[in-house]
Amino acid sequence: MRGLTPHSHIEPEAPDRDPDRAPAQLPEPGERAPGFELVDEELADANLANVDARGASLRRVVLRRCRLTGLLLTEGRLRDVVIAESRVDLASFAACTLEQVVFEDCRIDGSSFQEARLRHVRFSDCTLTEADLTGARFEHSELRGCTLDGVRGAASLRGAAMPWSDVVNSAGTLADALGIRILEVDA
């Protein structure tokens, strides 16, 4: 088994902030914003809860301590994005393309990555309890220190890399995905 290199190929490009540009106009929580576009922004403490931004495009964006509960980015595109210390629970990244994206210290419980393409994506210290990965495609991606309890479609993790200790901690979820039955130990 090959060793993991420390974050060598997952390095999102930082936003190129223009000090003369007006701050981004964000949709209000619960608002419909199809095709929403966000480029070269660093946002902290933003609330995009329940925003319907299907087909959105985020490029060179950093989101810190944001509330993204229920955010719909279905069929969107995220490139060079960092989402850190944020609530991303019950969000939808279904059929999205994610490239050079980092989720760090996020709650991603119950979110959907169905049919998403994740290329050079890292989940670090995230809770993905009951997330749906069905049909997702992972390429050159990593999960480090993540909770995967009850993940649906865990077989889609094929192609992702995880530290051995995380594989062991997720053994039940991974065994279930492979159809392995757990035998009771005779006392």
C-alpha atoms as a PDB file:
ATOM      1  CA  MET A   1       0.000   0.000   0.000  1.00  0.00           C
ATOM      2  CA  ARG A   2       1.398   3.380  -0.963  1.00  0.00           C
ATOM      3  CA  GLY A   3       1.763   6.069   1.653  1.00  0.00           C
ATOM      4  CA  LEU A   4      -0.169   9.302   1.524  1.00  0.00           C
ATOM      5  CA  THR A   5       1.649  12.481   0.692  1.00  0.00           C
ATOM      6  CA  PRO A   6       0.665  15.405   2.892  1.00  0.00           C
ATOM      7  CA  HIS A   7      -1.722  17.554   0.861  1.00  0.00           C
ATOM      8  CA  SER A   8       0.705  17.720  -2.088  1.00  0.00           C
ATOM      9  CA  HIS A   9      -1.832  17.921  -4.900  1.00  0.00           C
ATOM     10  CA  ILE A  10      -4.736  19.705  -3.225  1.00  0.00           C
ATOM     11  CA  GLU A  11      -3.933  23.401  -3.094  1.00  0.00           C
ATOM     12  CA  PRO A  12      -6.781  25.748  -4.032  1.00  0.00           C
ATOM     13  CA  GLU A  13      -5.700  29.012  -5.578  1.00  0.00           C
ATOM     14  CA  ALA A  14      -6.317  31.971  -3.261  1.00  0.00           C
ATOM     15  CA  PRO A  15      -8.816  34.696  -4.178  1.00  0.00           C
ATOM     16  CA  ASP A  16      -7.387  37.606  -6.134  1.00  0.00           C
ATOM     17  CA  ARG A  17      -9.044  40.436  -4.235  1.00  0.00           C
ATOM     18  CA  ASP A  18      -9.388  43.758  -5.999  1.00  0.00           C
ATOM     19  CA  PRO A  19      -9.628  46.431  -3.265  1.00  0.00           C
ATOM     20  CA  ASP A  20     -11.616  48.706  -5.597  1.00  0.00           C
ATOM     21  CA  ARG A  21     -14.322  46.104  -6.318  1.00  0.00           C
ATOM     22  CA  ALA A  22     -17.549  46.335  -4.366  1.00  0.00           C
ATOM     23  CA  PRO A  23     -18.312  43.447  -2.008  1.00  0.00           C
ATOM     24  CA  ALA A  24     -20.310  40.553  -3.456  1.00  0.00           C
ATOM     25  CA  GLN A  25     -24.087  40.754  -3.315  1.00  0.00           C
ATOM     26  CA  LEU A  26     -25.187  37.567  -1.590  1.00  0.00           C
ATOM     27  CA  PRO A  27     -28.654  36.060  -1.808  1.00  0.00           C
ATOM     28  CA  GLU A  28     -30.732  36.180   1.364  1.00  0.00           C
ATOM     29  CA  PRO A  29     -31.326  32.933   3.293  1.00  0.00           C
ATOM     30  CA  GLY A  30     -34.032  30.902   1.558  1.00  0.00           C
ATOM     31  CA  GLU A  31     -33.848  32.949  -1.644  1.00  0.00           C
ATOM     32  CA  ARG A  32     -33.744  31.458  -5.161  1.00  0.00           C
ATOM     33  CA  ALA A  33     -30.533  32.394  -6.969  1.00  0.00           C
ATOM     34  CA  PRO A  34     -30.101  30.032  -9.932  1.00  0.00           C
ATOM     35  CA  GLY A  35     -26.743  30.429 -11.668  1.00  0.00           C
ATOM     36  CA  PHE A  36     -25.331  32.467  -8.777  1.00  0.00           C
ATOM     37  CA  GLU A  37     -21.671  33.325  -9.386  1.00  0.00           C
ATOM     38  CA  LEU A  38     -19.034  34.130  -6.797  1.00  0.00           C
ATOM     39  CA  VAL A  39     -15.443  34.863  -7.858  1.00  0.00           C
ATOM     40  CA  ASP A  40     -12.372  36.043  -5.929  1.00  0.00           C
ATOM     41  CA  GLU A  41     -14.148  36.469  -2.581  1.00  0.00           C
ATOM     42  CA  GLU A  42     -13.286  35.810   1.052  1.00  0.00           C
ATOM     43  CA  LEU A  43     -16.388  35.685   3.209  1.00  0.00           C
ATOM     44  CA  ALA A  44     -16.702  35.146   6.934  1.00  0.00           C
ATOM     45  CA  ASP A  45     -19.879  34.559   8.938  1.00  0.00           C
ATOM     46  CA  ALA A  46     -22.127  34.675   5.838  1.00  0.00           C
ATOM     47  CA  ASN A  47     -25.580  33.061   5.952  1.00  0.00           C
ATOM     48  CA  LEU A  48     -26.581  31.218   2.781  1.00  0.00           C
ATOM     49  CA  ALA A  49     -28.939  28.793   4.534  1.00  0.00           C
ATOM     50  CA  ASN A  50     -31.543  27.256   2.233  1.00  0.00           C
ATOM     51  CA  VAL A  51     -30.443  29.318  -0.776  1.00  0.00           C
ATOM     52  CA  ASP A  52     -31.393  27.597  -4.035  1.00  0.00           C
ATOM     53  CA  ALA A  53     -28.351  28.306  -6.199  1.00  0.00           C
ATOM     54  CA  ARG A  54     -28.642  25.481  -8.706  1.00  0.00           C
ATOM     55  CA  GLY A  55     -25.999  25.725 -11.401  1.00  0.00           C
ATOM     56  CA  ALA A  56     -23.905  28.135  -9.329  1.00  0.00           C
ATOM     57  CA  SER A  57     -20.235  28.792 -10.000  1.00  0.00           C
ATOM     58  CA  LEU A  58     -17.734  29.496  -7.220  1.00  0.00           C
ATOM     59  CA  ARG A  59     -14.105  30.236  -8.181  1.00  0.00           C
ATOM     60  CA  ARG A  60     -11.261  31.256  -5.901  1.00  0.00           C
ATOM     61  CA  VAL A  61     -13.567  31.602  -2.897  1.00  0.00           C
ATOM     62  CA  VAL A  62     -12.936  31.191   0.830  1.00  0.00           C
ATOM     63  CA  LEU A  63     -15.921  30.740   3.163  1.00  0.00           C
ATOM     64  CA  ARG A  64     -15.193  30.736   6.923  1.00  0.00           C
ATOM     65  CA  ARG A  65     -17.652  30.214   9.768  1.00  0.00           C
ATOM     66  CA  CYS A  66     -20.556  30.347   7.310  1.00  0.00           C
ATOM     67  CA  ARG A  67     -24.014  28.868   7.629  1.00  0.00           C
ATOM     68  CA  LEU A  68     -24.668  26.845   4.485  1.00  0.00           C
ATOM     69  CA  THR A  69     -27.380  24.578   5.907  1.00  0.00           C
ATOM     70  CA  GLY A  70     -29.679  23.410   3.106  1.00  0.00           C
ATOM     71  CA  LEU A  71     -27.720  25.271   0.392  1.00  0.00           C
ATOM     72  CA  LEU A  72     -28.524  23.839  -3.058  1.00  0.00           C
ATOM     73  CA  LEU A  73     -25.574  23.951  -5.436  1.00  0.00           C
ATOM     74  CA  THR A  74     -26.924  21.110  -7.556  1.00  0.00           C
ATOM     75  CA  GLU A  75     -25.232  20.923 -10.974  1.00  0.00           C
ATOM     76  CA  GLY A  76     -22.864  23.700  -9.947  1.00  0.00           C
ATOM     77  CA  ARG A  77     -19.125  24.099 -10.294  1.00  0.00           C
ATOM     78  CA  LEU A  78     -16.672  24.818  -7.489  1.00  0.00           C
ATOM     79  CA  ARG A  79     -13.028  25.443  -8.323  1.00  0.00           C
ATOM     80  CA  ASP A  80     -10.328  26.657  -5.927  1.00  0.00           C
ATOM     81  CA  VAL A  81     -12.718  26.882  -2.972  1.00  0.00           C
ATOM     82  CA  VAL A  82     -12.052  26.565   0.761  1.00  0.00           C
ATOM     83  CA  ILE A  83     -14.965  26.048   3.144  1.00  0.00           C
ATOM     84  CA  ALA A  84     -13.781  26.084   6.761  1.00  0.00           C
ATOM     85  CA  GLU A  85     -15.405  25.956  10.197  1.00  0.00           C
ATOM     86  CA  SER A  86     -18.841  26.028   8.596  1.00  0.00           C
ATOM     87  CA  ARG A  87     -22.202  24.282   8.796  1.00  0.00           C
ATOM     88  CA  VAL A  88     -22.824  22.605   5.462  1.00  0.00           C
ATOM     89  CA  ASP A  89     -25.435  20.144   6.712  1.00  0.00           C
ATOM     90  CA  LEU A  90     -28.348  19.070   4.503  1.00  0.00           C
ATOM     91  CA  ALA A  91     -26.715  20.859   1.538  1.00  0.00           C
ATOM     92  CA  SER A  92     -26.753  19.504  -2.015  1.00  0.00           C
ATOM     93  CA  PHE A  93     -23.674  19.216  -4.199  1.00  0.00           C
ATOM     94  CA  ALA A  94     -25.480  16.640  -6.362  1.00  0.00           C
ATOM     95  CA  ALA A  95     -24.130  16.462  -9.919  1.00  0.00           C
ATOM     96  CA  CYS A  96     -21.579  19.190  -9.076  1.00  0.00           C
ATOM     97  CA  THR A  97     -18.015  19.365 -10.284  1.00  0.00           C
ATOM     98  CA  LEU A  98     -15.624  20.148  -7.443  1.00  0.00           C
ATOM     99  CA  GLU A  99     -11.946  20.764  -8.280  1.00  0.00           C
ATOM    100  CA  GLN A 100      -9.249  21.923  -5.877  1.00  0.00           C
ATOM    101  CA  VAL A 101     -11.756  22.236  -3.014  1.00  0.00           C
ATOM    102  CA  VAL A 102     -11.048  21.916   0.707  1.00  0.00           C
ATOM    103  CA  PHE A 103     -13.669  21.314   3.396  1.00  0.00           C
ATOM    104  CA  GLU A 104     -12.019  21.870   6.763  1.00  0.00           C
ATOM    105  CA  ASP A 105     -13.619  21.399  10.175  1.00  0.00           C
ATOM    106  CA  CYS A 106     -17.154  21.412   8.742  1.00  0.00           C
ATOM    107  CA  ARG A 107     -20.433  19.745   9.676  1.00  0.00           C
ATOM    108  CA  ILE A 108     -21.617  18.160   6.433  1.00  0.00           C
ATOM    109  CA  ASP A 109     -24.219  15.837   8.005  1.00  0.00           C
ATOM    110  CA  GLY A 110     -26.954  14.632   5.657  1.00  0.00           C
ATOM    111  CA  SER A 111     -25.572  16.475   2.629  1.00  0.00           C
ATOM    112  CA  SER A 112     -25.744  15.039  -0.882  1.00  0.00           C
ATOM    113  CA  PHE A 113     -22.825  14.488  -3.223  1.00  0.00           C
ATOM    114  CA  GLN A 114     -24.854  12.175  -5.476  1.00  0.00           C
ATOM    115  CA  GLU A 115     -23.302  11.864  -8.932  1.00  0.00           C
ATOM    116  CA  ALA A 116     -20.774  14.622  -8.080  1.00  0.00           C
ATOM    117  CA  ARG A 117     -17.269  14.639  -9.520  1.00  0.00           C
ATOM    118  CA  LEU A 118     -14.693  15.400  -6.841  1.00  0.00           C
ATOM    119  CA  ARG A 119     -11.219  15.981  -8.239  1.00  0.00           C
ATOM    120  CA  HIS A 120      -8.417  17.108  -5.926  1.00  0.00           C
ATOM    121  CA  VAL A 121     -10.835  17.565  -3.004  1.00  0.00           C
ATOM    122  CA  ARG A 122      -9.909  17.218   0.672  1.00  0.00           C
ATOM    123  CA  PHE A 123     -12.257  16.737   3.607  1.00  0.00           C
ATOM    124  CA  SER A 124     -10.304  17.420   6.806  1.00  0.00           C
ATOM    125  CA  ASP A 125     -11.811  16.946  10.284  1.00  0.00           C
ATOM    126  CA  CYS A 126     -15.357  16.979   8.904  1.00  0.00           C
ATOM    127  CA  THR A 127     -18.492  15.199  10.036  1.00  0.00           C
ATOM    128  CA  LEU A 128     -20.171  13.519   7.072  1.00  0.00           C
ATOM    129  CA  THR A 129     -22.689  11.505   9.089  1.00  0.00           C
ATOM    130  CA  GLU A 130     -25.506  10.236   6.836  1.00  0.00           C
ATOM    131  CA  ALA A 131     -24.158  12.106   3.798  1.00  0.00           C
ATOM    132  CA  ASP A 132     -25.109  10.587   0.425  1.00  0.00           C
ATOM    133  CA  LEU A 133     -22.170   9.756  -1.841  1.00  0.00           C
ATOM    134  CA  THR A 134     -24.125   7.536  -4.224  1.00  0.00           C
ATOM    135  CA  GLY A 135     -22.591   7.710  -7.690  1.00  0.00           C
ATOM    136  CA  ALA A 136     -19.929  10.242  -6.675  1.00  0.00           C
ATOM    137  CA  ARG A 137     -16.545   9.947  -8.391  1.00  0.00           C
ATOM    138  CA  PHE A 138     -13.452  10.698  -6.317  1.00  0.00           C
ATOM    139  CA  GLU A 139     -10.157  11.416  -8.101  1.00  0.00           C
ATOM    140  CA  HIS A 140      -6.974  12.370  -6.264  1.00  0.00           C
ATOM    141  CA  SER A 141      -9.074  13.244  -3.211  1.00  0.00           C
ATOM    142  CA  GLU A 142      -8.558  12.721   0.524  1.00  0.00           C
ATOM    143  CA  LEU A 143     -10.577  12.306   3.687  1.00  0.00           C
ATOM    144  CA  ARG A 144      -8.598  12.963   6.874  1.00  0.00           C
ATOM    145  CA  GLY A 145     -10.034  12.764  10.385  1.00  0.00           C
ATOM    146  CA  CYS A 146     -13.623  12.571   9.130  1.00  0.00           C
ATOM    147  CA  THR A 147     -16.666  10.871  10.642  1.00  0.00           C
ATOM    148  CA  LEU A 148     -18.461   8.708   8.067  1.00  0.00           C
ATOM    149  CA  ASP A 149     -21.145   7.077  10.235  1.00  0.00           C
ATOM    150  CA  GLY A 150     -24.196   6.091   8.208  1.00  0.00           C
ATOM    151  CA  VAL A 151     -22.836   7.412   4.896  1.00  0.00           C
ATOM    152  CA  ARG A 152     -24.913   6.195   1.969  1.00  0.00           C
ATOM    153  CA  GLY A 153     -23.101   5.107  -1.163  1.00  0.00           C
ATOM    154  CA  ALA A 154     -19.787   4.578   0.664  1.00  0.00           C
ATOM    155  CA  ALA A 155     -18.656   2.315  -2.186  1.00  0.00           C
ATOM    156  CA  SER A 156     -18.296   5.523  -4.208  1.00  0.00           C
ATOM    157  CA  LEU A 157     -15.279   6.391  -2.063  1.00  0.00           C
ATOM    158  CA  ARG A 158     -13.255   4.236  -4.459  1.00  0.00           C
ATOM    159  CA  GLY A 159     -10.384   6.419  -5.602  1.00  0.00           C
ATOM    160  CA  ALA A 160     -10.234   8.492  -2.401  1.00  0.00           C
ATOM    161  CA  ALA A 161      -7.315   8.268   0.041  1.00  0.00           C
ATOM    162  CA  MET A 162      -7.617   8.023   3.821  1.00  0.00           C
ATOM    163  CA  PRO A 163      -5.109   7.522   6.647  1.00  0.00           C
ATOM    164  CA  TRP A 164      -5.124   3.936   7.953  1.00  0.00           C
ATOM    165  CA  SER A 165      -6.529   5.028  11.347  1.00  0.00           C
ATOM    166  CA  ASP A 166      -9.518   6.629   9.577  1.00  0.00           C
ATOM    167  CA  VAL A 167     -10.110   3.467   7.530  1.00  0.00           C
ATOM    168  CA  VAL A 168     -10.172   1.449  10.755  1.00  0.00           C
ATOM    169  CA  ASN A 169     -12.537   3.952  12.437  1.00  0.00           C
ATOM    170  CA  SER A 170     -14.868   3.734   9.423  1.00  0.00           C
ATOM    171  CA  ALA A 171     -14.658  -0.057   9.115  1.00  0.00           C
ATOM    172  CA  GLY A 172     -18.362  -0.608   9.849  1.00  0.00           C
ATOM    173  CA  THR A 173     -19.498   1.845   7.168  1.00  0.00           C
ATOM    174  CA  LEU A 174     -17.005   0.491   4.635  1.00  0.00           C
ATOM    175  CA  ALA A 175     -17.895  -3.138   5.413  1.00  0.00           C
ATOM    176  CA  ASP A 176     -21.576  -2.341   4.950  1.00  0.00           C
ATOM    177  CA  ALA A 177     -20.821  -0.743   1.574  1.00  0.00           C
ATOM    178  CA  LEU A 178     -19.064  -3.928   0.483  1.00  0.00           C
ATOM    179  CA  GLY A 179     -21.903  -6.136   1.727  1.00  0.00           C
ATOM    180  CA  ILE A 180     -19.790  -7.733   4.436  1.00  0.00           C
ATOM    181  CA  ARG A 181     -21.899  -9.221   7.222  1.00  0.00           C
ATOM    182  CA  ILE A 182     -20.534  -8.740  10.724  1.00  0.00           C
ATOM    183  CA  LEU A 183     -20.514 -11.894  12.849  1.00  0.00           C
ATOM    184  CA  GLU A 184     -21.222 -11.785  16.546  1.00  0.00           C
ATOM    185  CA  VAL A 185     -18.246 -12.830  18.651  1.00  0.00           C
ATOM    186  CA  ASP A 186     -18.870 -15.950  20.733  1.00  0.00           C
ATOM    187  CA  ALA A 187     -18.085 -15.252  24.362  1.00  0.00           C
END
